[in-house]
PDB file of N, CA and C in Angstrom:
ATOM      1  N   MET A   1       0.851  -1.168   0.000  1.00  0.00           N
ATOM      2  CA  MET A   1       0.000   0.000   0.000  1.00  0.00           C
ATOM      3  C   MET A   1       0.898   1.233   0.000  1.00  0.00           C
ATOM      4  N   GLY A   2       0.754   2.123  -0.956  1.00  0.00           N
ATOM      5  CA  GLY A   2       1.584   3.310  -1.044  1.00  0.00           C
ATOM      6  C   GLY A   2       1.065   4.456  -0.200  1.00  0.00           C
ATOM      7  N   GLN A   3       1.836   5.515  -0.148  1.00  0.00           N
ATOM      8  CA  GLN A   3       1.456   6.684   0.647  1.00  0.00           C
ATOM      9  C   GLN A   3       0.142   7.297   0.162  1.00  0.00           C
ATOM     10  N   ASP A   4      -0.192   7.160  -1.101  1.00  0.00           N
ATOM     11  CA  ASP A   4      -1.438   7.717  -1.626  1.00  0.00           C
ATOM     12  C   ASP A   4      -2.661   7.059  -1.009  1.00  0.00           C
ATOM     13  N   ASN A   5      -2.490   5.863  -0.463  1.00  0.00           N
ATOM     14  CA  ASN A   5      -3.604   5.126   0.110  1.00  0.00           C
ATOM     15  C   ASN A   5      -3.763   5.329   1.609  1.00  0.00           C
ATOM     16  N   VAL A   6      -2.891   6.142   2.209  1.00  0.00           N
ATOM     17  CA  VAL A   6      -2.946   6.374   3.650  1.00  0.00           C
ATOM     18  C   VAL A   6      -4.028   7.389   3.952  1.00  0.00           C
ATOM     19  N   VAL A   7      -4.834   7.094   4.971  1.00  0.00           N
ATOM     20  CA  VAL A   7      -5.897   8.011   5.376  1.00  0.00           C
ATOM     21  C   VAL A   7      -5.285   9.076   6.275  1.00  0.00           C
ATOM     22  N   PRO A   8      -5.317  10.364   5.855  1.00  0.00           N
ATOM     23  CA  PRO A   8      -4.739  11.406   6.693  1.00  0.00           C
ATOM     24  C   PRO A   8      -5.551  11.607   7.971  1.00  0.00           C
ATOM     25  N   ASP A   9      -4.882  12.028   9.039  1.00  0.00           N
ATOM     26  CA  ASP A   9      -5.556  12.258  10.322  1.00  0.00           C
ATOM     27  C   ASP A   9      -6.696  13.253  10.166  1.00  0.00           C
ATOM     28  N   GLY A  10      -7.842  12.887  10.718  1.00  0.00           N
ATOM     29  CA  GLY A  10      -8.988  13.784  10.746  1.00  0.00           C
ATOM     30  C   GLY A  10      -9.725  13.963   9.441  1.00  0.00           C
ATOM     31  N   HIS A  11      -9.507  13.102   8.469  1.00  0.00           N
ATOM     32  CA  HIS A  11     -10.126  13.288   7.161  1.00  0.00           C
ATOM     33  C   HIS A  11     -10.993  12.113   6.736  1.00  0.00           C
ATOM     34  N   LEU A  12     -11.765  11.565   7.665  1.00  0.00           N
ATOM     35  CA  LEU A  12     -12.714  10.508   7.306  1.00  0.00           C
ATOM     36  C   LEU A  12     -14.003  11.131   6.809  1.00  0.00           C
ATOM     37  N   PRO A  13     -14.689  10.480   5.903  1.00  0.00           N
ATOM     38  CA  PRO A  13     -15.978  10.993   5.442  1.00  0.00           C
ATOM     39  C   PRO A  13     -16.981  11.075   6.590  1.00  0.00           C
ATOM     40  N   ALA A  14     -17.928  11.988   6.484  1.00  0.00           N
ATOM     41  CA  ALA A  14     -18.941  12.167   7.524  1.00  0.00           C
ATOM     42  C   ALA A  14     -19.721  10.882   7.770  1.00  0.00           C
ATOM     43  N   SER A  15     -19.845  10.030   6.765  1.00  0.00           N
ATOM     44  CA  SER A  15     -20.581   8.775   6.916  1.00  0.00           C
ATOM     45  C   SER A  15     -19.925   7.845   7.924  1.00  0.00           C
ATOM     46  N   CYS A  16     -18.671   8.078   8.252  1.00  0.00           N
ATOM     47  CA  CYS A  16     -17.946   7.225   9.204  1.00  0.00           C
ATOM     48  C   CYS A  16     -18.200   7.635  10.650  1.00  0.00           C
ATOM     49  N   GLU A  17     -18.743   8.805  10.887  1.00  0.00           N
ATOM     50  CA  GLU A  17     -18.918   9.301  12.247  1.00  0.00           C
ATOM     51  C   GLU A  17     -19.700   8.334  13.119  1.00  0.00           C
ATOM     52  N   LEU A  18     -20.740   7.719  12.605  1.00  0.00           N
ATOM     53  CA  LEU A  18     -21.543   6.806  13.398  1.00  0.00           C
ATOM     54  C   LEU A  18     -20.788   5.529  13.736  1.00  0.00           C
ATOM     55  N   GLU A  19     -19.905   5.103  12.863  1.00  0.00           N
ATOM     56  CA  GLU A  19     -19.183   3.858  13.069  1.00  0.00           C
ATOM     57  C   GLU A  19     -18.077   3.992  14.107  1.00  0.00           C
ATOM     58  N   ARG A  20     -17.651   5.201  14.420  1.00  0.00           N
ATOM     59  CA  ARG A  20     -16.537   5.392  15.350  1.00  0.00           C
ATOM     60  C   ARG A  20     -16.855   4.857  16.735  1.00  0.00           C
ATOM     61  N   GLY A  21     -18.093   4.952  17.201  1.00  0.00           N
ATOM     62  CA  GLY A  21     -18.437   4.529  18.534  1.00  0.00           C
ATOM     63  C   GLY A  21     -18.712   3.044  18.674  1.00  0.00           C
ATOM     64  N   GLU A  22     -18.791   2.323  17.591  1.00  0.00           N
ATOM     65  CA  GLU A  22     -19.157   0.909  17.629  1.00  0.00           C
ATOM     66  C   GLU A  22     -18.131   0.039  18.339  1.00  0.00           C
ATOM     67  N   ASN A  23     -16.887   0.431  18.370  1.00  0.00           N
ATOM     68  CA  ASN A  23     -15.821  -0.419  18.901  1.00  0.00           C
ATOM     69  C   ASN A  23     -15.364  -0.011  20.293  1.00  0.00           C
ATOM     70  N   GLU A  24     -16.154   0.750  21.017  1.00  0.00           N
ATOM     71  CA  GLU A  24     -15.727   1.243  22.326  1.00  0.00           C
ATOM     72  C   GLU A  24     -15.498   0.131  23.339  1.00  0.00           C
ATOM     73  N   ASN A  25     -16.194  -0.979  23.244  1.00  0.00           N
ATOM     74  CA  ASN A  25     -16.051  -2.077  24.201  1.00  0.00           C
ATOM     75  C   ASN A  25     -15.101  -3.171  23.730  1.00  0.00           C
ATOM     76  N   VAL A  26     -14.377  -2.917  22.651  1.00  0.00           N
ATOM     77  CA  VAL A  26     -13.439  -3.885  22.089  1.00  0.00           C
ATOM     78  C   VAL A  26     -12.027  -3.459  22.495  1.00  0.00           C
ATOM     79  N   SER A  27     -11.202  -4.421  22.882  1.00  0.00           N
ATOM     80  CA  SER A  27      -9.840  -4.097  23.318  1.00  0.00           C
ATOM     81  C   SER A  27      -8.984  -3.602  22.146  1.00  0.00           C
ATOM     82  N   ASN A  28      -7.927  -2.876  22.490  1.00  0.00           N
ATOM     83  CA  ASN A  28      -6.988  -2.403  21.472  1.00  0.00           C
ATOM     84  C   ASN A  28      -6.408  -3.576  20.686  1.00  0.00           C
ATOM     85  N   ASP A  29      -6.079  -4.645  21.398  1.00  0.00           N
ATOM     86  CA  ASP A  29      -5.488  -5.814  20.761  1.00  0.00           C
ATOM     87  C   ASP A  29      -6.444  -6.452  19.755  1.00  0.00           C
ATOM     88  N   ASP A  30      -7.714  -6.558  20.129  1.00  0.00           N
ATOM     89  CA  ASP A  30      -8.706  -7.140  19.216  1.00  0.00           C
ATOM     90  C   ASP A  30      -8.912  -6.263  17.986  1.00  0.00           C
ATOM     91  N   LEU A  31      -8.945  -4.935  18.175  1.00  0.00           N
ATOM     92  CA  LEU A  31      -9.086  -4.029  17.032  1.00  0.00           C
ATOM     93  C   LEU A  31      -7.887  -4.164  16.096  1.00  0.00           C
ATOM     94  N   TRP A  32      -6.693  -4.238  16.697  1.00  0.00           N
ATOM     95  CA  TRP A  32      -5.488  -4.351  15.885  1.00  0.00           C
ATOM     96  C   TRP A  32      -5.461  -5.672  15.117  1.00  0.00           C
ATOM     97  N   ARG A  33      -5.876  -6.763  15.779  1.00  0.00           N
ATOM     98  CA  ARG A  33      -5.932  -8.066  15.091  1.00  0.00           C
ATOM     99  C   ARG A  33      -6.909  -8.031  13.920  1.00  0.00           C
ATOM    100  N   GLN A  34      -8.013  -7.321  14.091  1.00  0.00           N
ATOM    101  CA  GLN A  34      -8.977  -7.172  12.997  1.00  0.00           C
ATOM    102  C   GLN A  34      -8.314  -6.458  11.825  1.00  0.00           C
ATOM    103  N   LEU A  35      -7.575  -5.388  12.129  1.00  0.00           N
ATOM    104  CA  LEU A  35      -6.855  -4.672  11.082  1.00  0.00           C
ATOM    105  C   LEU A  35      -5.815  -5.568  10.431  1.00  0.00           C
ATOM    106  N   GLU A  36      -5.086  -6.329  11.225  1.00  0.00           N
ATOM    107  CA  GLU A  36      -4.059  -7.220  10.697  1.00  0.00           C
ATOM    108  C   GLU A  36      -4.668  -8.254   9.744  1.00  0.00           C
ATOM    109  N   THR A  37      -5.857  -8.718  10.054  1.00  0.00           N
ATOM    110  CA  THR A  37      -6.540  -9.689   9.194  1.00  0.00           C
ATOM    111  C   THR A  37      -6.891  -9.075   7.843  1.00  0.00           C
ATOM    112  N   ILE A  38      -7.309  -7.820   7.865  1.00  0.00           N
ATOM    113  CA  ILE A  38      -7.745  -7.144   6.644  1.00  0.00           C
ATOM    114  C   ILE A  38      -6.567  -6.603   5.850  1.00  0.00           C
ATOM    115  N   ASP A  39      -5.615  -5.961   6.539  1.00  0.00           N
ATOM    116  CA  ASP A  39      -4.495  -5.303   5.863  1.00  0.00           C
ATOM    117  C   ASP A  39      -3.240  -5.417   6.725  1.00  0.00           C
ATOM    118  N   SER A  40      -2.499  -6.473   6.538  1.00  0.00           N
ATOM    119  CA  SER A  40      -1.322  -6.733   7.374  1.00  0.00           C
ATOM    120  C   SER A  40      -0.230  -5.678   7.194  1.00  0.00           C
ATOM    121  N   GLU A  41      -0.119  -5.100   6.000  1.00  0.00           N
ATOM    122  CA  GLU A  41       0.890  -4.062   5.772  1.00  0.00           C
ATOM    123  C   GLU A  41       0.613  -2.831   6.620  1.00  0.00           C
ATOM    124  N   SER A  42      -0.627  -2.395   6.667  1.00  0.00           N
ATOM    125  CA  SER A  42      -0.990  -1.238   7.495  1.00  0.00           C
ATOM    126  C   SER A  42      -0.821  -1.565   8.966  1.00  0.00           C
ATOM    127  N   ALA A  43      -1.227  -2.757   9.368  1.00  0.00           N
ATOM    128  CA  ALA A  43      -1.103  -3.166  10.770  1.00  0.00           C
ATOM    129  C   ALA A  43       0.361  -3.166  11.205  1.00  0.00           C
ATOM    130  N   ALA A  44       1.260  -3.523  10.314  1.00  0.00           N
ATOM    131  CA  ALA A  44       2.681  -3.544  10.649  1.00  0.00           C
ATOM    132  C   ALA A  44       3.223  -2.140  10.918  1.00  0.00           C
ATOM    133  N   ARG A  45       2.602  -1.113  10.339  1.00  0.00           N
ATOM    134  CA  ARG A  45       3.048   0.263  10.519  1.00  0.00           C
ATOM    135  C   ARG A  45       2.406   0.944  11.719  1.00  0.00           C
ATOM    136  N   ILE A  46       1.333   0.375  12.253  1.00  0.00           N
ATOM    137  CA  ILE A  46       0.587   1.021  13.326  1.00  0.00           C
ATOM    138  C   ILE A  46       0.766   0.234  14.616  1.00  0.00           C
ATOM    139  N   HIS A  47       1.113   0.922  15.685  1.00  0.00           N
ATOM    140  CA  HIS A  47       1.265   0.270  16.980  1.00  0.00           C
ATOM    141  C   HIS A  47      -0.113  -0.168  17.481  1.00  0.00           C
ATOM    142  N   PRO A  48      -0.219  -1.379  18.034  1.00  0.00           N
ATOM    143  CA  PRO A  48      -1.519  -1.881  18.504  1.00  0.00           C
ATOM    144  C   PRO A  48      -2.200  -0.982  19.544  1.00  0.00           C
ATOM    145  N   ASN A  49      -1.435  -0.195  20.286  1.00  0.00           N
ATOM    146  CA  ASN A  49      -2.035   0.688  21.284  1.00  0.00           C
ATOM    147  C   ASN A  49      -2.434   2.055  20.732  1.00  0.00           C
ATOM    148  N   ASP A  50      -2.200   2.284  19.446  1.00  0.00           N
ATOM    149  CA  ASP A  50      -2.645   3.539  18.823  1.00  0.00           C
ATOM    150  C   ASP A  50      -4.086   3.344  18.359  1.00  0.00           C
ATOM    151  N   ARG A  51      -4.983   3.328  19.321  1.00  0.00           N
ATOM    152  CA  ARG A  51      -6.394   3.004  19.098  1.00  0.00           C
ATOM    153  C   ARG A  51      -7.033   3.905  18.038  1.00  0.00           C
ATOM    154  N   ARG A  52      -6.702   5.181  18.062  1.00  0.00           N
ATOM    155  CA  ARG A  52      -7.306   6.122  17.120  1.00  0.00           C
ATOM    156  C   ARG A  52      -6.989   5.722  15.676  1.00  0.00           C
ATOM    157  N   LYS A  53      -5.723   5.433  15.395  1.00  0.00           N
ATOM    158  CA  LYS A  53      -5.346   5.060  14.025  1.00  0.00           C
ATOM    159  C   LYS A  53      -5.889   3.693  13.643  1.00  0.00           C
ATOM    160  N   VAL A  54      -5.845   2.739  14.563  1.00  0.00           N
ATOM    161  CA  VAL A  54      -6.361   1.402  14.266  1.00  0.00           C
ATOM    162  C   VAL A  54      -7.845   1.481  13.938  1.00  0.00           C
ATOM    163  N   LYS A  55      -8.605   2.220  14.741  1.00  0.00           N
ATOM    164  CA  LYS A  55     -10.033   2.362  14.464  1.00  0.00           C
ATOM    165  C   LYS A  55     -10.266   3.054  13.138  1.00  0.00           C
ATOM    166  N   ARG A  56      -9.473   4.082  12.853  1.00  0.00           N
ATOM    167  CA  ARG A  56      -9.630   4.825  11.600  1.00  0.00           C
ATOM    168  C   ARG A  56      -9.394   3.921  10.398  1.00  0.00           C
ATOM    169  N   TYR A  57      -8.345   3.133  10.441  1.00  0.00           N
ATOM    170  CA  TYR A  57      -8.078   2.214   9.327  1.00  0.00           C
ATOM    171  C   TYR A  57      -9.167   1.154   9.206  1.00  0.00           C
ATOM    172  N   ASN A  58      -9.637   0.638  10.331  1.00  0.00           N
ATOM    173  CA  ASN A  58     -10.707  -0.370  10.279  1.00  0.00           C
ATOM    174  C   ASN A  58     -11.975   0.209   9.661  1.00  0.00           C
ATOM    175  N   VAL A  59     -12.332   1.425  10.027  1.00  0.00           N
ATOM    176  CA  VAL A  59     -13.523   2.052   9.447  1.00  0.00           C
ATOM    177  C   VAL A  59     -13.301   2.288   7.954  1.00  0.00           C
ATOM    178  N   PHE A  60     -12.141   2.832   7.601  1.00  0.00           N
ATOM    179  CA  PHE A  60     -11.840   3.104   6.194  1.00  0.00           C
ATOM    180  C   PHE A  60     -11.880   1.824   5.366  1.00  0.00           C
ATOM    181  N   LEU A  61     -11.223   0.781   5.875  1.00  0.00           N
ATOM    182  CA  LEU A  61     -11.176  -0.477   5.129  1.00  0.00           C
ATOM    183  C   LEU A  61     -12.543  -1.146   5.053  1.00  0.00           C
ATOM    184  N   SER A  62     -13.390  -0.927   6.046  1.00  0.00           N
ATOM    185  CA  SER A  62     -14.733  -1.499   5.979  1.00  0.00           C
ATOM    186  C   SER A  62     -15.542  -0.836   4.866  1.00  0.00           C
ATOM    187  N   LEU A  63     -15.197   0.398   4.535  1.00  0.00           N
ATOM    188  CA  LEU A  63     -15.890   1.078   3.430  1.00  0.00           C
ATOM    189  C   LEU A  63     -15.361   0.613   2.080  1.00  0.00           C
ATOM    190  N   VAL A  64     -14.101   0.237   2.041  1.00  0.00           N
ATOM    191  CA  VAL A  64     -13.451  -0.177   0.791  1.00  0.00           C
ATOM    192  C   VAL A  64     -13.783  -1.626   0.451  1.00  0.00           C
ATOM    193  N   PHE A  65     -13.782  -2.497   1.472  1.00  0.00           N
ATOM    194  CA  PHE A  65     -13.984  -3.929   1.222  1.00  0.00           C
ATOM    195  C   PHE A  65     -15.404  -4.256   1.447  1.00  0.00           C
TER     196      PHE A  65
END
């Protein structure tokens, strides 16, 4: 995945706003594993405890796939 495919901070579509709260009861590790399953390259670049970025990528990828 190249730099053109990276979601910049704070630039998710408004349609994603509702999905942000869905994962509040899920651990950081579980969110990261979900990301790793979908996109291992992105997961390798993001620390599992960076919940904001992991959630952002999961929401973005759920719109793409």
